[in-house]
Amino acid sequence: MNQPAAPALSPLTSDASVAGHIYKRIFWRFVPLLVICFVCAYLDRVNISFAKLQMQSQLGLSDAVYGLGASVFFVGYLIFEVPSNLILHRVGARLWIARIMITWGIASACTMFVRDEVSFYVIRFIIGALEAGFVPGALYFFTKWFPREVRGRTNTLFMASIALCGIIGGPISGGIMKYVHGLHGLAGWQWLFLLEGIPSILLGLVVIFMLDDSIQSAKWLSPEEKTVWSRIVEGEKDSQAVHRFGPALREPATYTLSLIYFCLASGIYGLVFWMPQLIRTAGTQDTFVIGLISSLPYIVAAITMVWLGRHSDRTGERRWHLALCALAGGVGYFVCGFFSQNTLVLVIGLTAAATGIISAIGLFWVLPQRFLSGVAAAAGIALINSLGQIGGIVTPYMVGKVKDTTGSATLGLYVVAAVCVLAFVLIAWGLPKRLYERA
């Protein structure tokens, strides 16, 4: 992770050197830790796509059953997302994020005991319910610690976890399934869930000791540093922001953003749940090689999204950065559908889709923070995320059903491409100006 540049923090120009020092300390204490935590969260989603390469045939699951099982995760996520973040607002991020990680790690490891369709659905629902609240909880935590001027880069670095997980998750998952298969009588996919669930449990214990719920509770900051940083973060609060959950529910912007995030989530989960299968269908059979190939789009995405986050912060421009990323995702998916049998061109399409959609997700989360504050931010961010995650329910099952019916995922990829283009239209011409105009 690159050394963060000290931001131009306008409220306290006389304390610029102190503010820059505090910013770097806060960044290095919180952001890398939460990035690693998010990588583990996404491993829960990437590993199921690799496990499919073995468990589907061993358990006799159809593509539609796999797609529905992948989708059921988001049903639990949708139901418990807002309540989880309201609890986090009350008890604090430190304890609640630790609880989320420990329990989801245990549940993810228990996926190794799946034996049939019903148990597959049940454990996926439980994992989604236990993980609910992690992403919006971390994003809400950032609003308590980072001023608006650096939220773009902070959010994109956090969301870079998706790309980082794709970079390391593919080769690790493919390697575990290839080289540990049969050890102690367990299949490779069983070892996969066990070995990738343990780190989440351990990181949950680290979170308890490393996170602080507020600036004033941070014992590692001096009284002067607390005063300076509190004035910076508190000084940017918008008097017109929504502070209570009820008014946030009545805000049209809440539902516009939810629809946009639905489109973006549809795009990302097309990658997460189907990339290994698409690469296999194009002609690659070795699970480790599939893992290596699948890491390439994420490498490009990681580099690009960090640059875009910094550029958006520096220029203050949000709308077209976000809109053009969504459009790039749509073009990438169209290329994947049209050249589904050509591995080279397929990987180029997957790279465009991954770069566009993952970058868009990082940039997107600056927008809700422009009009939500306090408990409205905790619940509103969770609501937007949970409604958007319906895309995670629809896309995996839709692509699986299309593949079962037609023998090819091409039509499903075209639908995802169209949804990404819809996101482009909504962002470019459907957002209220106050969400993207320069402060």
Protein backbone atom coordinates (compact mmCIF):
# COMPACT_ATOMS: atom_id res chain seq x y z
CA MET A 1 0.00 0.00 0.00
CA ASN A 2 1.46 3.36 -1.04
CA GLN A 3 2.47 5.98 1.51
CA PRO A 4 -0.53 8.31 1.83
CA ALA A 5 0.10 11.90 0.83
CA ALA A 6 -0.81 14.41 3.52
CA PRO A 7 -4.12 15.95 2.50
CA ALA A 8 -4.77 19.65 2.05
CA LEU A 9 -6.92 20.14 5.15
CA SER A 10 -8.34 23.62 4.77
CA PRO A 11 -9.95 24.14 8.22
CA LEU A 12 -6.60 24.31 10.00
CA THR A 13 -3.96 25.67 7.68
CA SER A 14 -1.92 26.89 10.67
CA ASP A 15 -1.77 23.31 11.97
CA ALA A 16 -1.02 21.77 8.56
CA SER A 17 2.14 19.95 9.63
CA VAL A 18 0.46 18.55 12.76
CA ALA A 19 -2.61 17.54 10.75
CA GLY A 20 -0.50 15.78 8.12
CA HIS A 21 1.33 13.81 10.82
CA ILE A 22 -1.94 12.81 12.52
CA TYR A 23 -3.49 11.78 9.20
CA LYS A 24 -0.63 9.40 8.44
CA ARG A 25 -0.80 7.85 11.90
CA ILE A 26 -4.55 7.29 11.63
CA PHE A 27 -4.26 5.96 8.08
CA TRP A 28 -1.64 3.36 8.93
CA ARG A 29 -3.40 2.26 12.11
CA PHE A 30 -6.83 1.65 10.58
CA VAL A 31 -6.85 1.39 6.79
CA PRO A 32 -4.41 -1.51 6.22
CA LEU A 33 -6.10 -3.52 8.99
CA LEU A 34 -9.59 -3.02 7.55
CA VAL A 35 -8.29 -3.75 4.05
CA ILE A 36 -6.97 -7.12 5.28
CA CYS A 37 -10.29 -7.77 7.03
CA PHE A 38 -12.19 -6.99 3.82
CA VAL A 39 -9.89 -9.30 1.86
CA CYS A 40 -10.94 -12.10 4.21
CA ALA A 41 -14.59 -11.14 3.72
CA TYR A 42 -14.22 -11.34 -0.03
CA LEU A 43 -12.38 -14.63 0.20
CA ASP A 44 -15.72 -15.98 1.48
CA ARG A 45 -17.18 -14.96 -1.88
CA VAL A 46 -14.27 -15.82 -4.18
CA ASN A 47 -13.61 -19.23 -2.64
CA ILE A 48 -17.13 -20.47 -3.42
CA SER A 49 -16.48 -19.79 -7.12
CA PHE A 50 -13.35 -21.96 -6.99
CA ALA A 51 -14.93 -24.61 -4.75
CA LYS A 52 -17.60 -24.95 -7.43
CA LEU A 53 -15.00 -26.47 -9.77
CA GLN A 54 -14.87 -29.55 -7.47
CA MET A 55 -17.84 -29.54 -5.10
CA GLN A 56 -20.45 -29.16 -7.85
CA SER A 57 -19.65 -32.54 -9.40
CA GLN A 58 -18.98 -34.27 -6.05
CA LEU A 59 -22.29 -33.13 -4.54
CA GLY A 60 -24.32 -33.27 -7.75
CA LEU A 61 -25.28 -29.58 -7.79
CA SER A 62 -26.53 -27.97 -11.01
CA ASP A 63 -25.42 -24.51 -12.18
CA ALA A 64 -28.80 -23.14 -11.12
CA VAL A 65 -28.44 -24.64 -7.62
CA TYR A 66 -24.93 -23.20 -7.33
CA GLY A 67 -26.17 -19.80 -8.50
CA LEU A 68 -29.06 -19.85 -6.03
CA GLY A 69 -26.72 -20.88 -3.20
CA ALA A 70 -24.42 -18.01 -4.08
CA SER A 71 -27.44 -15.70 -4.08
CA VAL A 72 -28.85 -16.96 -0.75
CA PHE A 73 -25.81 -15.41 0.94
CA PHE A 74 -27.24 -11.99 0.10
CA VAL A 75 -30.68 -12.79 1.48
CA GLY A 76 -29.18 -13.06 4.96
CA TYR A 77 -27.06 -10.01 4.21
CA LEU A 78 -30.13 -8.00 3.12
CA ILE A 79 -32.23 -8.88 6.17
CA PHE A 80 -29.61 -8.12 8.81
CA GLU A 81 -27.60 -5.27 7.24
CA VAL A 82 -29.46 -2.26 8.68
CA PRO A 83 -30.01 -3.77 12.16
CA SER A 84 -26.32 -4.68 12.28
CA ASN A 85 -25.18 -1.14 11.53
CA LEU A 86 -27.64 0.35 14.03
CA ILE A 87 -26.12 -1.93 16.68
CA LEU A 88 -22.64 -0.84 15.56
CA HIS A 89 -23.67 2.81 15.99
CA ARG A 90 -24.75 2.03 19.55
CA VAL A 91 -21.97 -0.29 20.79
CA GLY A 92 -19.10 0.97 18.64
CA ALA A 93 -17.18 -0.33 15.63
CA ARG A 94 -14.44 -2.03 17.64
CA LEU A 95 -16.54 -4.70 19.32
CA TRP A 96 -19.11 -5.12 16.58
CA ILE A 97 -16.70 -5.50 13.67
CA ALA A 98 -14.70 -7.98 15.77
CA ARG A 99 -17.91 -9.96 16.44
CA ILE A 100 -18.78 -9.95 12.74
CA MET A 101 -15.39 -11.28 11.72
CA ILE A 102 -15.11 -14.02 14.32
CA THR A 103 -18.60 -15.41 13.69
CA TRP A 104 -18.42 -15.25 9.89
CA GLY A 105 -15.02 -16.94 9.96
CA ILE A 106 -16.45 -19.83 11.97
CA ALA A 107 -19.48 -20.14 9.67
CA SER A 108 -17.34 -19.97 6.53
CA ALA A 109 -15.11 -22.79 7.78
CA CYS A 110 -18.25 -24.86 8.48
CA THR A 111 -19.05 -24.82 4.75
CA MET A 112 -16.68 -27.79 4.55
CA PHE A 113 -19.49 -29.91 6.07
CA VAL A 114 -21.98 -29.22 3.24
CA ARG A 115 -23.38 -32.47 1.89
CA ASP A 116 -26.38 -31.56 -0.25
CA GLU A 117 -28.45 -28.76 -1.74
CA VAL A 118 -30.31 -27.87 1.48
CA SER A 119 -27.20 -27.68 3.69
CA PHE A 120 -25.53 -25.56 0.99
CA TYR A 121 -28.40 -23.06 1.10
CA VAL A 122 -28.52 -22.99 4.91
CA ILE A 123 -24.82 -22.30 5.46
CA ARG A 124 -24.73 -19.63 2.75
CA PHE A 125 -27.66 -17.83 4.42
CA ILE A 126 -25.96 -18.01 7.83
CA ILE A 127 -22.67 -16.61 6.48
CA GLY A 128 -24.52 -13.70 4.87
CA ALA A 129 -26.45 -12.95 8.07
CA LEU A 130 -23.28 -13.00 10.19
CA GLU A 131 -21.23 -10.90 7.77
CA ALA A 132 -23.99 -8.28 7.38
CA GLY A 133 -22.85 -4.85 8.48
CA PHE A 134 -19.11 -5.21 7.93
CA VAL A 135 -18.74 -3.06 4.80
CA PRO A 136 -21.19 -0.29 5.78
CA GLY A 137 -19.80 -0.45 9.30
CA ALA A 138 -16.27 0.21 8.04
CA LEU A 139 -17.50 2.99 5.75
CA TYR A 140 -19.37 4.59 8.66
CA PHE A 141 -16.23 4.23 10.79
CA PHE A 142 -14.29 6.22 8.16
CA THR A 143 -16.78 9.10 8.45
CA LYS A 144 -15.86 9.33 12.15
CA TRP A 145 -12.13 9.49 11.47
CA PHE A 146 -11.47 10.98 8.02
CA PRO A 147 -12.54 14.37 6.58
CA ARG A 148 -14.26 14.67 3.22
CA GLU A 149 -11.09 15.76 1.39
CA VAL A 150 -9.58 12.28 1.73
CA ARG A 151 -12.68 10.06 1.63
CA GLY A 152 -12.29 9.26 -2.07
CA ARG A 153 -8.82 7.79 -1.66
CA THR A 154 -9.72 6.17 1.68
CA ASN A 155 -12.82 4.48 0.25
CA THR A 156 -11.07 3.34 -2.92
CA LEU A 157 -8.15 1.93 -0.94
CA PHE A 158 -10.65 0.05 1.23
CA MET A 159 -12.53 -1.21 -1.82
CA ALA A 160 -9.20 -2.16 -3.39
CA SER A 161 -9.57 -5.14 -1.05
CA ILE A 162 -11.86 -6.63 -3.71
CA ALA A 163 -9.05 -6.43 -6.25
CA LEU A 164 -6.42 -7.57 -3.75
CA CYS A 165 -8.56 -10.57 -2.87
CA GLY A 166 -8.85 -11.42 -6.56
CA ILE A 167 -5.07 -11.12 -6.97
CA ILE A 168 -4.15 -13.43 -4.09
CA GLY A 169 -7.41 -15.34 -3.64
CA GLY A 170 -7.42 -16.96 -7.06
CA PRO A 171 -3.94 -18.50 -6.90
CA ILE A 172 -4.34 -19.45 -3.21
CA SER A 173 -7.75 -21.03 -3.74
CA GLY A 174 -6.68 -22.82 -6.89
CA GLY A 175 -3.46 -23.99 -5.23
CA ILE A 176 -5.22 -25.34 -2.14
CA MET A 177 -7.68 -27.29 -4.26
CA LYS A 178 -4.95 -28.75 -6.44
CA TYR A 179 -2.21 -29.54 -3.94
CA VAL A 180 -4.11 -30.36 -0.71
CA HIS A 181 -6.91 -32.38 -2.30
CA GLY A 182 -7.31 -35.75 -0.55
CA LEU A 183 -5.16 -34.87 2.48
CA HIS A 184 -6.57 -36.63 5.59
CA GLY A 185 -9.54 -37.76 3.51
CA LEU A 186 -10.82 -34.24 2.82
CA ALA A 187 -11.52 -32.90 -0.65
CA GLY A 188 -9.68 -29.80 -1.86
CA TRP A 189 -12.82 -27.66 -1.61
CA GLN A 190 -13.25 -28.68 2.05
CA TRP A 191 -9.69 -27.65 2.88
CA LEU A 192 -10.37 -24.41 1.02
CA PHE A 193 -13.22 -23.36 3.32
CA LEU A 194 -11.38 -24.47 6.46
CA LEU A 195 -8.07 -22.75 5.73
CA GLU A 196 -9.66 -19.52 4.47
CA GLY A 197 -12.04 -19.23 7.45
CA ILE A 198 -9.35 -19.28 10.15
CA PRO A 199 -7.72 -15.88 9.30
CA SER A 200 -11.04 -14.06 9.79
CA ILE A 201 -11.31 -15.43 13.32
CA LEU A 202 -7.77 -14.34 14.19
CA LEU A 203 -8.21 -10.89 12.65
CA GLY A 204 -11.37 -10.39 14.69
CA LEU A 205 -9.21 -10.63 17.81
CA VAL A 206 -6.75 -8.08 16.36
CA VAL A 207 -9.60 -5.64 15.67
CA ILE A 208 -10.52 -5.57 19.37
CA PHE A 209 -7.09 -4.17 20.21
CA MET A 210 -6.52 -1.90 17.19
CA LEU A 211 -9.76 -0.03 16.46
CA ASP A 212 -11.00 2.96 18.46
CA ASP A 213 -14.63 4.06 18.35
CA SER A 214 -13.88 7.79 18.45
CA ILE A 215 -11.05 10.30 18.28
CA GLN A 216 -11.39 11.08 21.97
CA SER A 217 -11.07 7.40 22.96
CA ALA A 218 -7.74 6.95 21.12
CA LYS A 219 -5.07 6.61 23.82
CA TRP A 220 -2.30 6.70 21.19
CA LEU A 221 -3.15 10.33 20.29
CA SER A 222 -2.03 13.20 22.52
CA PRO A 223 -4.62 15.71 23.82
CA GLU A 224 -3.33 18.28 21.31
CA GLU A 225 -3.62 15.82 18.42
CA LYS A 226 -7.17 14.89 19.47
CA THR A 227 -8.15 18.56 19.52
CA VAL A 228 -6.63 19.30 16.11
CA TRP A 229 -8.11 16.26 14.41
CA SER A 230 -11.54 16.63 16.02
CA ARG A 231 -11.74 20.22 14.76
CA ILE A 232 -10.85 19.08 11.23
CA VAL A 233 -13.38 16.23 11.11
CA GLU A 234 -16.13 18.09 12.99
CA GLY A 235 -15.54 21.34 11.10
CA GLU A 236 -16.62 19.91 7.73
CA LYS A 237 -20.07 18.77 8.85
CA ASP A 238 -22.86 20.05 6.62
CA SER A 239 -25.76 21.71 8.44
CA GLN A 240 -28.06 20.51 5.63
CA ALA A 241 -27.04 16.87 6.04
CA VAL A 242 -29.63 14.33 7.16
CA HIS A 243 -28.90 13.23 10.75
CA ARG A 244 -31.83 10.91 11.53
CA PHE A 245 -32.85 7.62 9.92
CA GLY A 246 -36.50 8.56 9.33
CA PRO A 247 -35.70 11.54 7.08
CA ALA A 248 -33.04 9.45 5.32
CA LEU A 249 -35.76 6.96 4.37
CA ARG A 250 -37.75 9.79 2.78
CA GLU A 251 -34.81 11.10 0.76
CA PRO A 252 -35.16 10.31 -2.99
CA ALA A 253 -31.36 10.32 -3.20
CA THR A 254 -31.27 7.26 -0.92
CA TYR A 255 -33.17 5.19 -3.48
CA THR A 256 -31.38 6.62 -6.51
CA LEU A 257 -28.09 5.58 -4.94
CA SER A 258 -29.54 2.18 -4.00
CA LEU A 259 -30.51 1.54 -7.63
CA ILE A 260 -27.07 2.60 -8.84
CA TYR A 261 -25.44 0.33 -6.29
CA PHE A 262 -27.72 -2.52 -7.35
CA CYS A 263 -26.29 -2.16 -10.85
CA LEU A 264 -22.70 -2.01 -9.61
CA ALA A 265 -23.22 -5.00 -7.29
CA SER A 266 -24.68 -6.96 -10.20
CA GLY A 267 -21.48 -6.22 -12.08
CA ILE A 268 -19.06 -7.20 -9.35
CA TYR A 269 -20.78 -10.47 -8.49
CA GLY A 270 -20.78 -11.52 -12.12
CA LEU A 271 -17.01 -11.49 -11.72
CA VAL A 272 -16.77 -12.91 -8.22
CA PHE A 273 -19.00 -15.94 -8.77
CA TRP A 274 -18.41 -16.76 -12.44
CA MET A 275 -14.90 -15.69 -13.50
CA PRO A 276 -13.23 -19.09 -12.84
CA GLN A 277 -16.02 -20.91 -14.70
CA LEU A 278 -15.78 -18.51 -17.66
CA ILE A 279 -12.02 -19.10 -17.89
CA ARG A 280 -12.53 -22.87 -17.70
CA THR A 281 -15.21 -22.75 -20.41
CA ALA A 282 -12.81 -20.83 -22.66
CA GLY A 283 -10.39 -23.77 -22.51
CA THR A 284 -8.29 -23.79 -19.30
CA GLN A 285 -8.80 -26.81 -17.02
CA ASP A 286 -6.04 -26.69 -14.37
CA THR A 287 -7.48 -25.05 -11.22
CA PHE A 288 -4.15 -23.46 -10.24
CA VAL A 289 -3.67 -21.95 -13.70
CA ILE A 290 -7.27 -20.69 -13.60
CA GLY A 291 -6.40 -19.00 -10.31
CA LEU A 292 -3.35 -17.33 -11.83
CA ILE A 293 -5.27 -16.12 -14.88
CA SER A 294 -8.13 -14.80 -12.75
CA SER A 295 -5.68 -12.65 -10.77
CA LEU A 296 -4.66 -10.61 -13.85
CA PRO A 297 -7.86 -8.50 -14.15
CA TYR A 298 -7.67 -7.71 -10.44
CA ILE A 299 -4.04 -6.54 -10.67
CA VAL A 300 -4.98 -3.95 -13.29
CA ALA A 301 -8.09 -3.00 -11.30
CA ALA A 302 -6.09 -2.45 -8.10
CA ILE A 303 -3.61 -0.10 -9.74
CA THR A 304 -6.24 1.85 -11.65
CA MET A 305 -8.73 2.31 -8.82
CA VAL A 306 -6.14 3.73 -6.43
CA TRP A 307 -5.05 6.25 -9.07
CA LEU A 308 -8.68 7.18 -9.81
CA GLY A 309 -9.46 7.70 -6.12
CA ARG A 310 -6.51 10.07 -5.72
CA HIS A 311 -7.37 11.90 -8.95
CA SER A 312 -11.01 12.33 -7.93
CA ASP A 313 -9.97 13.72 -4.54
CA ARG A 314 -7.44 16.08 -6.10
CA THR A 315 -9.83 17.48 -8.72
CA GLY A 316 -12.99 17.30 -6.58
CA GLU A 317 -14.84 15.76 -9.56
CA ARG A 318 -17.02 12.76 -8.69
CA ARG A 319 -19.79 12.23 -11.26
CA TRP A 320 -17.84 11.51 -14.46
CA HIS A 321 -15.13 9.52 -12.71
CA LEU A 322 -17.86 7.23 -11.41
CA ALA A 323 -20.02 7.19 -14.56
CA LEU A 324 -17.21 6.31 -16.96
CA CYS A 325 -16.03 3.50 -14.69
CA ALA A 326 -19.53 1.98 -14.82
CA LEU A 327 -19.53 2.29 -18.61
CA ALA A 328 -16.14 0.55 -18.82
CA GLY A 329 -17.63 -2.32 -16.80
CA GLY A 330 -20.50 -2.66 -19.27
CA VAL A 331 -18.16 -2.69 -22.27
CA GLY A 332 -16.01 -5.33 -20.56
CA TYR A 333 -18.96 -7.62 -19.96
CA PHE A 334 -20.11 -7.26 -23.57
CA VAL A 335 -16.63 -8.30 -24.75
CA CYS A 336 -16.75 -11.31 -22.39
CA GLY A 337 -20.07 -12.43 -23.84
CA PHE A 338 -19.06 -11.95 -27.47
CA PHE A 339 -15.65 -13.65 -27.14
CA SER A 340 -16.49 -16.26 -24.50
CA GLN A 341 -14.48 -19.00 -26.30
CA ASN A 342 -11.29 -16.95 -26.79
CA THR A 343 -9.24 -16.97 -23.58
CA LEU A 344 -7.05 -13.97 -24.48
CA VAL A 345 -9.91 -11.66 -25.48
CA LEU A 346 -12.06 -12.97 -22.61
CA VAL A 347 -9.35 -11.95 -20.12
CA ILE A 348 -9.15 -8.49 -21.73
CA GLY A 349 -12.92 -8.16 -21.30
CA LEU A 350 -12.73 -9.39 -17.71
CA THR A 351 -9.97 -6.85 -17.04
CA ALA A 352 -12.10 -3.98 -18.38
CA ALA A 353 -15.11 -5.19 -16.36
CA ALA A 354 -13.12 -5.63 -13.15
CA THR A 355 -11.31 -2.30 -13.48
CA GLY A 356 -14.47 -0.36 -14.24
CA ILE A 357 -16.79 -1.91 -11.68
CA ILE A 358 -14.37 -2.18 -8.75
CA SER A 359 -13.17 1.40 -9.30
CA ALA A 360 -16.78 2.57 -9.46
CA ILE A 361 -17.64 0.87 -6.17
CA GLY A 362 -14.76 2.64 -4.42
CA LEU A 363 -15.76 6.05 -5.80
CA PHE A 364 -19.48 5.45 -5.19
CA TRP A 365 -19.29 5.49 -1.39
CA VAL A 366 -18.19 9.12 -1.28
CA LEU A 367 -21.69 10.13 -2.43
CA PRO A 368 -23.88 8.88 0.49
CA GLN A 369 -21.45 10.51 2.91
CA ARG A 370 -22.24 13.87 1.28
CA PHE A 371 -25.78 13.99 2.67
CA LEU A 372 -25.91 11.51 5.57
CA SER A 373 -24.49 12.06 9.07
CA GLY A 374 -24.66 10.43 12.51
CA VAL A 375 -27.16 7.61 12.92
CA ALA A 376 -28.54 8.44 9.45
CA ALA A 377 -25.09 7.65 8.02
CA ALA A 378 -24.88 4.36 9.94
CA ALA A 379 -28.35 3.20 8.90
CA GLY A 380 -28.52 4.95 5.51
CA ILE A 381 -25.22 3.53 4.26
CA ALA A 382 -26.35 0.09 5.43
CA LEU A 383 -29.72 0.52 3.68
CA ILE A 384 -28.12 1.58 0.39
CA ASN A 385 -25.66 -1.29 0.62
CA SER A 386 -28.33 -3.88 1.48
CA LEU A 387 -30.74 -2.77 -1.26
CA GLY A 388 -27.84 -2.71 -3.70
CA GLN A 389 -26.85 -6.22 -2.67
CA ILE A 390 -30.07 -7.48 -4.24
CA GLY A 391 -27.85 -7.45 -7.32
CA GLY A 392 -25.88 -10.18 -5.57
CA ILE A 393 -29.09 -12.19 -5.24
CA VAL A 394 -30.19 -11.74 -8.85
CA THR A 395 -26.97 -11.98 -10.87
CA PRO A 396 -25.44 -15.31 -9.72
CA TYR A 397 -28.76 -17.16 -10.02
CA MET A 398 -29.62 -15.50 -13.35
CA VAL A 399 -26.29 -16.38 -14.94
CA GLY A 400 -26.49 -19.96 -13.59
CA LYS A 401 -30.05 -20.41 -14.88
CA VAL A 402 -29.11 -19.04 -18.30
CA LYS A 403 -26.13 -21.41 -18.45
CA ASP A 404 -28.28 -24.40 -17.47
CA THR A 405 -30.92 -23.50 -20.06
CA THR A 406 -28.78 -22.48 -23.04
CA GLY A 407 -25.49 -24.24 -22.28
CA SER A 408 -23.69 -20.88 -22.32
CA ALA A 409 -23.41 -17.88 -19.99
CA THR A 410 -23.28 -15.42 -22.93
CA LEU A 411 -26.84 -14.11 -22.66
CA GLY A 412 -26.40 -13.60 -18.91
CA LEU A 413 -23.22 -11.60 -19.53
CA TYR A 414 -25.08 -9.36 -21.98
CA VAL A 415 -27.73 -8.69 -19.32
CA VAL A 416 -25.04 -7.72 -16.78
CA ALA A 417 -23.46 -5.45 -19.42
CA ALA A 418 -26.81 -3.71 -19.92
CA VAL A 419 -27.21 -3.23 -16.16
CA CYS A 420 -23.76 -1.58 -15.99
CA VAL A 421 -24.75 0.78 -18.82
CA LEU A 422 -27.91 1.62 -16.85
CA ALA A 423 -25.66 2.59 -13.92
CA PHE A 424 -23.74 4.89 -16.27
CA VAL A 425 -26.97 6.63 -17.34
CA LEU A 426 -28.22 7.03 -13.75
CA ILE A 427 -24.91 8.44 -12.55
CA ALA A 428 -24.43 10.80 -15.49
CA TRP A 429 -27.96 12.22 -15.56
CA GLY A 430 -29.91 11.00 -12.53
CA LEU A 431 -27.92 12.20 -9.50
CA PRO A 432 -28.93 15.32 -7.54
CA LYS A 433 -26.28 18.02 -8.03
CA ARG A 434 -25.62 18.34 -4.32
CA LEU A 435 -24.15 14.81 -4.29
CA TYR A 436 -21.41 15.50 -6.80
CA GLU A 437 -20.92 19.26 -7.07
CA ARG A 438 -17.61 20.42 -5.71
CA ALA A 439 -17.65 21.55 -2.11
